[in-house]
């Protein structure tokens, strides 16, 4: 075994609101034999000042720099620097319970897996009616689909992907590093590569991390627009849909069910009924679900707004992703 058992890698960029809580949850955990590698993509806020204070006190913290900013490059820099037997990829937007890391290693030893992850509990740092509504929507199956790591499990489950994975380091030697073309979905693509190569990935229920969501509709829309766009671009760059599932494309299908009949109604006016039916059915379902969730956020209109923002921005991102992929394809074949 290496002298360092666990290498924790966190890509960071302008995380001054979250980095202190994140680092403290790692430092005060129940593990000793670890190194913490932070890879900064060019933060211009107080992130680096906060980290430097921690570095003065804790020698196991390393700070690397990634001028290209994007996450998979940061992860690959961290992996190449890492000396641990296990590599854990974390997010600065999250905090981790005392036994988080020891549980991951414990389950690795029980299951002999290539990657293990935990369920995410979505929370918000600043609690108000809007942010609590966003939190509920991001934990709801109608909001995020059949994503077990968001909605929870009751027993250990073999899955296709996990957030913030704990990998054996030799996994990266066997299956390769992160795909640096992918600004989003790089974890999903890597995990699919592992699965296709016969590796095992498990989600465990007995420890959870807390992920701090976006707290306003603008940030929620920007984040999910990018997610939707990169679903399409991931398929374009990898030349396969294997790393994605049907739930990734539902918002796009919904948006097209509104737009296509609307456009065609310019020629066949009766088709506008299809758009109206799709929209009214969706809104009816959103209102019913929001009504059932209203006690958790205390504001039904923010819940409705959260669902609409999440799904429409995601679908629009996928639509833009299609246009971008077509443009790249044409350019590449000139």
Protein backbone atom coordinates (compact mmCIF):
# COMPACT_ATOMS: atom_id res chain seq x y z
CA UNK A 1 0.00 0.00 0.00
CA UNK A 2 1.19 3.53 -0.73
CA UNK A 3 2.13 5.76 2.19
CA UNK A 4 -0.89 7.89 1.25
CA UNK A 5 -4.12 5.87 1.17
CA UNK A 6 -6.53 8.49 -0.20
CA UNK A 7 -5.99 11.33 -2.66
CA UNK A 8 -8.90 13.77 -2.66
CA UNK A 9 -9.13 15.96 -5.76
CA UNK A 10 -11.36 19.04 -6.03
CA UNK A 11 -11.56 21.20 -9.18
CA UNK A 12 -12.33 24.77 -8.10
CA UNK A 13 -13.25 28.09 -9.69
CA UNK A 14 -14.60 31.09 -7.74
CA UNK A 15 -15.87 29.09 -4.77
CA UNK A 16 -15.50 31.68 -2.00
CA UNK A 17 -19.06 31.05 -0.76
CA UNK A 18 -18.55 27.31 -0.33
CA UNK A 19 -14.86 26.40 -0.07
CA UNK A 20 -14.41 27.00 3.67
CA UNK A 21 -17.27 24.70 4.65
CA UNK A 22 -16.10 22.10 2.15
CA UNK A 23 -12.50 22.08 3.40
CA UNK A 24 -13.51 21.96 7.05
CA UNK A 25 -15.74 18.94 6.44
CA UNK A 26 -12.76 17.12 4.90
CA UNK A 27 -10.17 18.20 7.44
CA UNK A 28 -12.31 17.23 10.42
CA UNK A 29 -13.30 13.84 8.99
CA UNK A 30 -12.30 10.52 10.55
CA UNK A 31 -9.39 9.79 8.18
CA UNK A 32 -5.71 10.61 8.65
CA UNK A 33 -3.75 9.09 5.79
CA UNK A 34 -4.76 11.38 2.93
CA UNK A 35 -3.74 14.27 0.70
CA UNK A 36 -6.02 17.02 -0.56
CA UNK A 37 -5.33 18.31 -4.07
CA UNK A 38 -7.13 21.48 -5.12
CA UNK A 39 -6.94 22.41 -8.80
CA UNK A 40 -7.84 26.04 -9.47
CA UNK A 41 -9.13 27.15 -12.85
CA UNK A 42 -8.32 30.83 -12.41
CA UNK A 43 -10.44 32.06 -9.49
CA UNK A 44 -10.78 35.84 -9.30
CA UNK A 45 -12.71 36.04 -6.02
CA UNK A 46 -11.38 35.24 -2.52
CA UNK A 47 -11.18 31.47 -3.07
CA UNK A 48 -7.38 31.33 -3.21
CA UNK A 49 -6.97 33.60 -0.17
CA UNK A 50 -9.16 31.25 1.85
CA UNK A 51 -7.21 28.22 0.63
CA UNK A 52 -3.84 29.81 1.44
CA UNK A 53 -4.91 30.23 5.07
CA UNK A 54 -5.71 26.53 5.24
CA UNK A 55 -2.43 25.63 3.51
CA UNK A 56 -0.41 27.45 6.18
CA UNK A 57 -1.98 25.20 8.79
CA UNK A 58 -2.29 21.88 6.94
CA UNK A 59 0.66 20.49 4.98
CA UNK A 60 -1.43 17.82 3.23
CA UNK A 61 -3.16 20.48 1.09
CA UNK A 62 -1.71 20.94 -2.40
CA UNK A 63 -2.77 23.67 -4.81
CA UNK A 64 -2.40 23.21 -8.57
CA UNK A 65 -3.36 25.55 -11.40
CA UNK A 66 -5.28 24.83 -14.58
CA UNK A 67 -5.21 27.79 -16.99
CA UNK A 68 -7.61 25.95 -19.33
CA UNK A 69 -10.24 26.05 -16.55
CA UNK A 70 -12.39 23.05 -17.49
CA UNK A 71 -13.02 20.25 -14.99
CA UNK A 72 -11.69 17.15 -16.81
CA UNK A 73 -8.30 18.84 -17.32
CA UNK A 74 -8.23 19.77 -13.63
CA UNK A 75 -9.07 16.19 -12.69
CA UNK A 76 -6.36 14.77 -14.92
CA UNK A 77 -3.78 17.15 -13.45
CA UNK A 78 -4.83 16.05 -9.98
CA UNK A 79 -4.75 12.34 -10.85
CA UNK A 80 -1.23 12.62 -12.25
CA UNK A 81 -0.14 14.36 -9.03
CA UNK A 82 -1.95 11.93 -6.73
CA UNK A 83 -0.04 9.28 -4.77
CA UNK A 84 -2.94 7.57 -3.00
CA UNK A 85 -4.26 4.05 -3.55
CA UNK A 86 -7.76 5.55 -3.86
CA UNK A 87 -8.75 8.74 -5.67
CA UNK A 88 -11.87 10.61 -4.60
CA UNK A 89 -13.29 13.33 -6.84
CA UNK A 90 -15.18 15.93 -4.83
CA UNK A 91 -17.03 19.17 -5.47
CA UNK A 92 -16.51 22.44 -3.60
CA UNK A 93 -20.29 23.04 -3.66
CA UNK A 94 -20.70 20.24 -1.14
CA UNK A 95 -19.86 19.24 2.42
CA UNK A 96 -19.13 15.78 3.72
CA UNK A 97 -20.01 14.01 6.99
CA UNK A 98 -17.42 12.80 9.50
CA UNK A 99 -17.40 9.18 8.29
CA UNK A 100 -17.82 9.89 4.58
CA UNK A 101 -14.37 8.80 3.42
CA UNK A 102 -13.94 5.83 5.75
CA UNK A 103 -17.31 4.47 4.58
CA UNK A 104 -16.26 4.73 0.94
CA UNK A 105 -13.06 2.78 1.61
CA UNK A 106 -14.93 0.26 3.75
CA UNK A 107 -17.35 -0.48 0.92
CA UNK A 108 -14.53 -0.67 -1.61
CA UNK A 109 -12.99 -3.45 0.45
CA UNK A 110 -16.34 -5.24 0.80
CA UNK A 111 -17.40 -5.01 -2.84
CA UNK A 112 -14.08 -4.95 -4.71
CA UNK A 113 -15.52 -2.25 -6.97
CA UNK A 114 -13.86 0.10 -9.43
CA UNK A 115 -15.90 3.09 -8.22
CA UNK A 116 -18.21 3.78 -5.29
CA UNK A 117 -20.35 6.82 -4.56
CA UNK A 118 -23.03 8.01 -2.18
CA UNK A 119 -26.45 9.58 -2.30
CA UNK A 120 -26.58 13.38 -2.48
CA UNK A 121 -28.82 15.39 -0.18
CA UNK A 122 -29.61 18.67 -1.92
CA UNK A 123 -29.61 21.75 0.29
CA UNK A 124 -29.19 25.51 -0.04
CA UNK A 125 -26.87 27.76 1.92
CA UNK A 126 -29.28 30.70 2.17
CA UNK A 127 -32.76 29.48 3.00
CA UNK A 128 -35.71 31.43 1.65
CA UNK A 129 -38.91 30.54 -0.18
CA UNK A 130 -37.29 30.61 -3.62
CA UNK A 131 -34.14 28.67 -2.72
CA UNK A 132 -36.10 26.05 -0.75
CA UNK A 133 -38.39 25.60 -3.76
CA UNK A 134 -35.38 24.99 -6.01
CA UNK A 135 -34.04 22.52 -3.46
CA UNK A 136 -37.27 20.51 -3.48
CA UNK A 137 -37.47 20.42 -7.26
CA UNK A 138 -33.87 19.16 -7.53
CA UNK A 139 -34.72 16.31 -5.13
CA UNK A 140 -37.98 15.36 -6.82
CA UNK A 141 -38.29 12.55 -9.39
CA UNK A 142 -40.40 14.71 -11.68
CA UNK A 143 -37.64 17.33 -11.50
CA UNK A 144 -34.56 15.15 -12.03
CA UNK A 145 -35.93 11.83 -13.28
CA UNK A 146 -34.82 8.40 -12.09
CA UNK A 147 -31.53 9.65 -10.72
CA UNK A 148 -30.98 7.37 -7.71
CA UNK A 149 -28.11 9.40 -6.29
CA UNK A 150 -30.44 12.40 -6.02
CA UNK A 151 -33.66 10.70 -4.92
CA UNK A 152 -32.12 8.08 -2.62
CA UNK A 153 -31.83 4.30 -2.21
CA UNK A 154 -32.45 1.90 0.69
CA UNK A 155 -29.72 -0.68 -0.06
CA UNK A 156 -26.46 -0.98 -1.96
CA UNK A 157 -27.14 -0.82 -5.68
CA UNK A 158 -25.02 -1.39 -8.76
CA UNK A 159 -25.43 1.67 -11.02
CA UNK A 160 -24.10 3.24 -14.21
CA UNK A 161 -22.68 6.36 -12.57
CA UNK A 162 -22.24 8.08 -9.21
CA UNK A 163 -21.40 11.64 -8.21
CA UNK A 164 -18.08 12.40 -6.53
CA UNK A 165 -16.72 8.92 -7.13
CA UNK A 166 -14.15 7.06 -5.07
CA UNK A 167 -11.96 5.18 -7.55
CA UNK A 168 -9.08 2.82 -7.18
CA UNK A 169 -6.16 4.66 -8.75
CA UNK A 170 -5.38 1.72 -11.00
CA UNK A 171 -8.79 2.33 -12.66
CA UNK A 172 -7.29 5.31 -14.50
CA UNK A 173 -4.39 3.19 -15.69
CA UNK A 174 -6.77 0.51 -16.98
CA UNK A 175 -9.63 2.61 -18.40
CA UNK A 176 -7.92 5.94 -19.11
CA UNK A 177 -8.23 9.46 -17.75
CA UNK A 178 -11.11 11.92 -18.07
CA UNK A 179 -12.09 12.96 -21.59
CA UNK A 180 -10.80 16.54 -21.83
CA UNK A 181 -13.20 17.45 -24.64
CA UNK A 182 -16.18 17.23 -22.27
CA UNK A 183 -16.91 20.37 -20.27
CA UNK A 184 -19.88 18.53 -18.70
CA UNK A 185 -20.76 14.83 -18.32
CA UNK A 186 -17.13 13.83 -17.93
CA UNK A 187 -17.93 11.66 -14.89
CA UNK A 188 -20.84 9.95 -16.67
CA UNK A 189 -18.66 9.21 -19.71
CA UNK A 190 -15.80 7.85 -17.59
CA UNK A 191 -18.14 5.63 -15.59
CA UNK A 192 -19.74 4.29 -18.76
CA UNK A 193 -16.25 3.42 -20.03
CA UNK A 194 -15.61 1.53 -16.81
CA UNK A 195 -18.92 -0.34 -17.05
CA UNK A 196 -18.36 -1.21 -20.71
CA UNK A 197 -14.96 -2.60 -19.73
CA UNK A 198 -16.50 -4.92 -17.14
CA UNK A 199 -15.95 -2.74 -14.07
CA UNK A 200 -18.37 -2.45 -11.16
CA UNK A 201 -19.84 0.81 -9.82
CA UNK A 202 -21.96 0.94 -6.67
CA UNK A 203 -24.10 3.49 -4.89
CA UNK A 204 -24.19 3.08 -1.10
CA UNK A 205 -27.02 4.28 1.17
CA UNK A 206 -25.49 4.49 4.64
CA UNK A 207 -23.61 7.78 4.23
CA UNK A 208 -24.57 10.90 2.29
CA UNK A 209 -22.97 14.16 1.26
CA UNK A 210 -24.74 17.52 1.11
CA UNK A 211 -24.73 19.38 -2.19
CA UNK A 212 -25.54 23.11 -2.17
CA UNK A 213 -27.74 23.97 -5.13
CA UNK A 214 -28.12 27.20 -7.07
CA UNK A 215 -30.40 29.56 -5.17
CA UNK A 216 -32.05 31.67 -7.87
CA UNK A 217 -33.72 31.04 -11.21
CA UNK A 218 -30.97 32.72 -13.25
CA UNK A 219 -28.21 30.47 -11.88
CA UNK A 220 -30.47 27.42 -12.08
CA UNK A 221 -31.22 28.17 -15.73
CA UNK A 222 -27.55 28.76 -16.64
CA UNK A 223 -26.45 25.52 -15.00
CA UNK A 224 -29.14 23.38 -16.60
CA UNK A 225 -28.84 25.04 -19.99
CA UNK A 226 -25.20 23.93 -19.95
CA UNK A 227 -26.18 20.43 -18.78
CA UNK A 228 -28.68 20.09 -21.61
CA UNK A 229 -26.25 21.41 -24.21
CA UNK A 230 -23.50 19.06 -23.14
CA UNK A 231 -25.77 16.02 -23.26
CA UNK A 232 -25.85 16.52 -27.02
CA UNK A 233 -22.19 17.50 -27.35
CA UNK A 234 -21.16 14.50 -25.24
CA UNK A 235 -22.90 12.24 -27.74
CA UNK A 236 -21.28 14.16 -30.60
CA UNK A 237 -17.72 13.97 -29.25
CA UNK A 238 -17.92 10.36 -28.04
CA UNK A 239 -19.87 9.20 -31.14
CA UNK A 240 -22.24 7.21 -28.95
CA UNK A 241 -25.32 7.61 -26.75
CA UNK A 242 -24.12 4.90 -24.36
CA UNK A 243 -23.06 7.33 -21.66
CA UNK A 244 -26.52 8.91 -21.47
CA UNK A 245 -30.00 7.60 -20.66
CA UNK A 246 -33.53 8.54 -21.74
CA UNK A 247 -34.01 10.90 -18.78
CA UNK A 248 -31.29 13.17 -20.16
CA UNK A 249 -33.41 13.86 -23.23
CA UNK A 250 -36.92 14.19 -21.75
CA UNK A 251 -36.72 18.03 -21.44
CA UNK A 252 -35.69 18.24 -25.11
CA UNK A 253 -38.58 15.99 -26.14
CA UNK A 254 -40.98 18.15 -24.11
CA UNK A 255 -39.68 21.37 -25.68
CA UNK A 256 -39.95 19.92 -29.18
CA UNK A 257 -43.53 18.85 -28.42
CA UNK A 258 -44.26 22.55 -27.93
CA UNK A 259 -42.19 24.04 -30.74
CA UNK A 260 -42.67 21.66 -33.65
CA UNK A 261 -46.49 21.69 -33.73
CA UNK A 262 -46.35 25.46 -33.21
CA UNK A 263 -44.11 25.91 -36.25
CA UNK A 264 -46.09 23.47 -38.36
CA UNK A 265 -49.31 25.25 -37.42
CA UNK A 266 -48.18 28.04 -39.76
CA UNK A 267 -49.08 25.61 -42.52
CA UNK A 268 -51.63 23.41 -40.76
CA UNK A 269 -53.35 25.59 -38.13
CA UNK A 270 -55.02 22.64 -36.41
CA UNK A 271 -51.65 21.37 -35.18
CA UNK A 272 -51.44 24.15 -32.61
CA UNK A 273 -53.79 21.99 -30.53
CA UNK A 274 -50.90 19.55 -30.01
CA UNK A 275 -48.72 22.29 -28.51
CA UNK A 276 -51.54 23.46 -26.27
CA UNK A 277 -52.26 19.90 -25.14
CA UNK A 278 -48.59 19.24 -24.31
CA UNK A 279 -48.25 22.52 -22.41
CA UNK A 280 -51.52 22.18 -20.50
CA UNK A 281 -50.77 18.56 -19.54
CA UNK A 282 -47.32 19.54 -18.29
CA UNK A 283 -48.62 22.54 -16.33
CA UNK A 284 -51.39 20.48 -14.76
CA UNK A 285 -48.86 17.91 -13.55
CA UNK A 286 -46.48 20.61 -12.29
CA UNK A 287 -49.27 22.31 -10.36
CA UNK A 288 -50.38 19.05 -8.75
CA UNK A 289 -46.83 18.11 -7.72
CA UNK A 290 -46.11 21.65 -6.52
CA UNK A 291 -49.28 21.64 -4.45
CA UNK A 292 -48.13 18.43 -2.74
CA UNK A 293 -44.68 19.94 -2.07
CA UNK A 294 -45.90 23.36 -0.95
CA UNK A 295 -45.38 22.76 2.80
CA UNK A 296 -41.65 22.13 2.26
CA UNK A 297 -40.96 25.44 0.56
CA UNK A 298 -44.07 27.36 1.64
CA UNK A 299 -44.58 28.90 -1.79
CA UNK A 300 -46.36 27.04 -4.60
CA UNK A 301 -45.54 29.66 -7.28
CA UNK A 302 -41.79 29.36 -6.66
CA UNK A 303 -42.14 25.59 -6.97
CA UNK A 304 -43.91 25.94 -10.31
CA UNK A 305 -41.28 28.46 -11.43
CA UNK A 306 -38.49 26.09 -10.38
CA UNK A 307 -39.90 23.19 -12.42
CA UNK A 308 -40.40 25.43 -15.46
CA UNK A 309 -36.92 26.94 -15.19
CA UNK A 310 -35.26 23.56 -14.76
CA UNK A 311 -37.00 21.77 -17.61
CA UNK A 312 -37.18 24.56 -20.18
CA UNK A 313 -33.57 25.70 -19.73
CA UNK A 314 -32.39 22.09 -19.93
CA UNK A 315 -34.43 21.45 -23.07
CA UNK A 316 -33.30 24.71 -24.68
CA UNK A 317 -29.70 23.80 -23.91
CA UNK A 318 -30.16 20.48 -25.70
CA UNK A 319 -31.68 22.27 -28.69
CA UNK A 320 -28.70 24.63 -28.86
CA UNK A 321 -26.45 21.60 -28.46
CA UNK A 322 -27.98 20.04 -31.58
CA UNK A 323 -27.35 23.24 -33.53
CA UNK A 324 -23.79 23.41 -32.22
CA UNK A 325 -23.12 19.75 -33.10
CA UNK A 326 -24.46 20.25 -36.63
CA UNK A 327 -22.29 23.33 -37.04
CA UNK A 328 -19.20 21.44 -35.83
CA UNK A 329 -19.99 18.52 -38.13
CA UNK A 330 -20.37 20.77 -41.20
CA UNK A 331 -17.21 22.68 -40.34
CA UNK A 332 -15.29 19.43 -39.88
CA UNK A 333 -16.42 18.07 -43.24
CA UNK A 334 -15.67 21.09 -45.40
